[in-house]
Amino acid sequence: MQEPFERAVEQHGATVLRVCRAVLGPEADADDAWSETFLAAMRAWPELPEDTNVEAWLVRVAKRKAIDLARARSRQAIPTDEPPEGPAPADHPDAEGLWDAVAALPERQRLAVAYHYLGGLPHAETAELIGSNAEAVRRATADGIKGLRRTYHTDTSPKGAPR
């Protein structure tokens, strides 16, 4: 690859972080996945073909690194004195609640929403990443957004107001 690696980090770093956060949430694990993504990318950079779609490639690497971290996290015990309480109902969702809602979506919907809306990838590239076709990804994305809207819909919104 002739393009300088630093330029790829500048151009695609925010997209990679959004994908990591969509899979892992806003905690430090997402930052770790971001770092692991660019570390792996830096190692592979010299052998990367010239015609590679760098953004799609980095998103795929980020997805794999985030999944690896999520699997590792799920196998670790979390010491605590008392079991955690369940989340309190909120009248107005905050950003952290949104990440929780995205994480609660079925896997295909979560990945489709993350890659398309947060990663900015078209449905066709998202389909390649998750092993599907563009039409199925379009449907999964729509279902995921519908689920998120249902989660955040309040009965107090005025009639005719956009949801």
Foldseek 3Di string as FASTA:
>chain_A
DPDDLVVLCVVQVQLLLLLLCLQANDDCLSVVLSVVLSVVCVVCVVVDDPPDPSLLVSSLSSNVSSVVSVVVVVPDDDDDPDDDDDDDDDLADDPRNLSVLLNPQPPLLSQLLSCVVSNVDQLQSSCVSVVHHSVVSVVSPVVSVVSSCVVNDDPPDDPPDDD
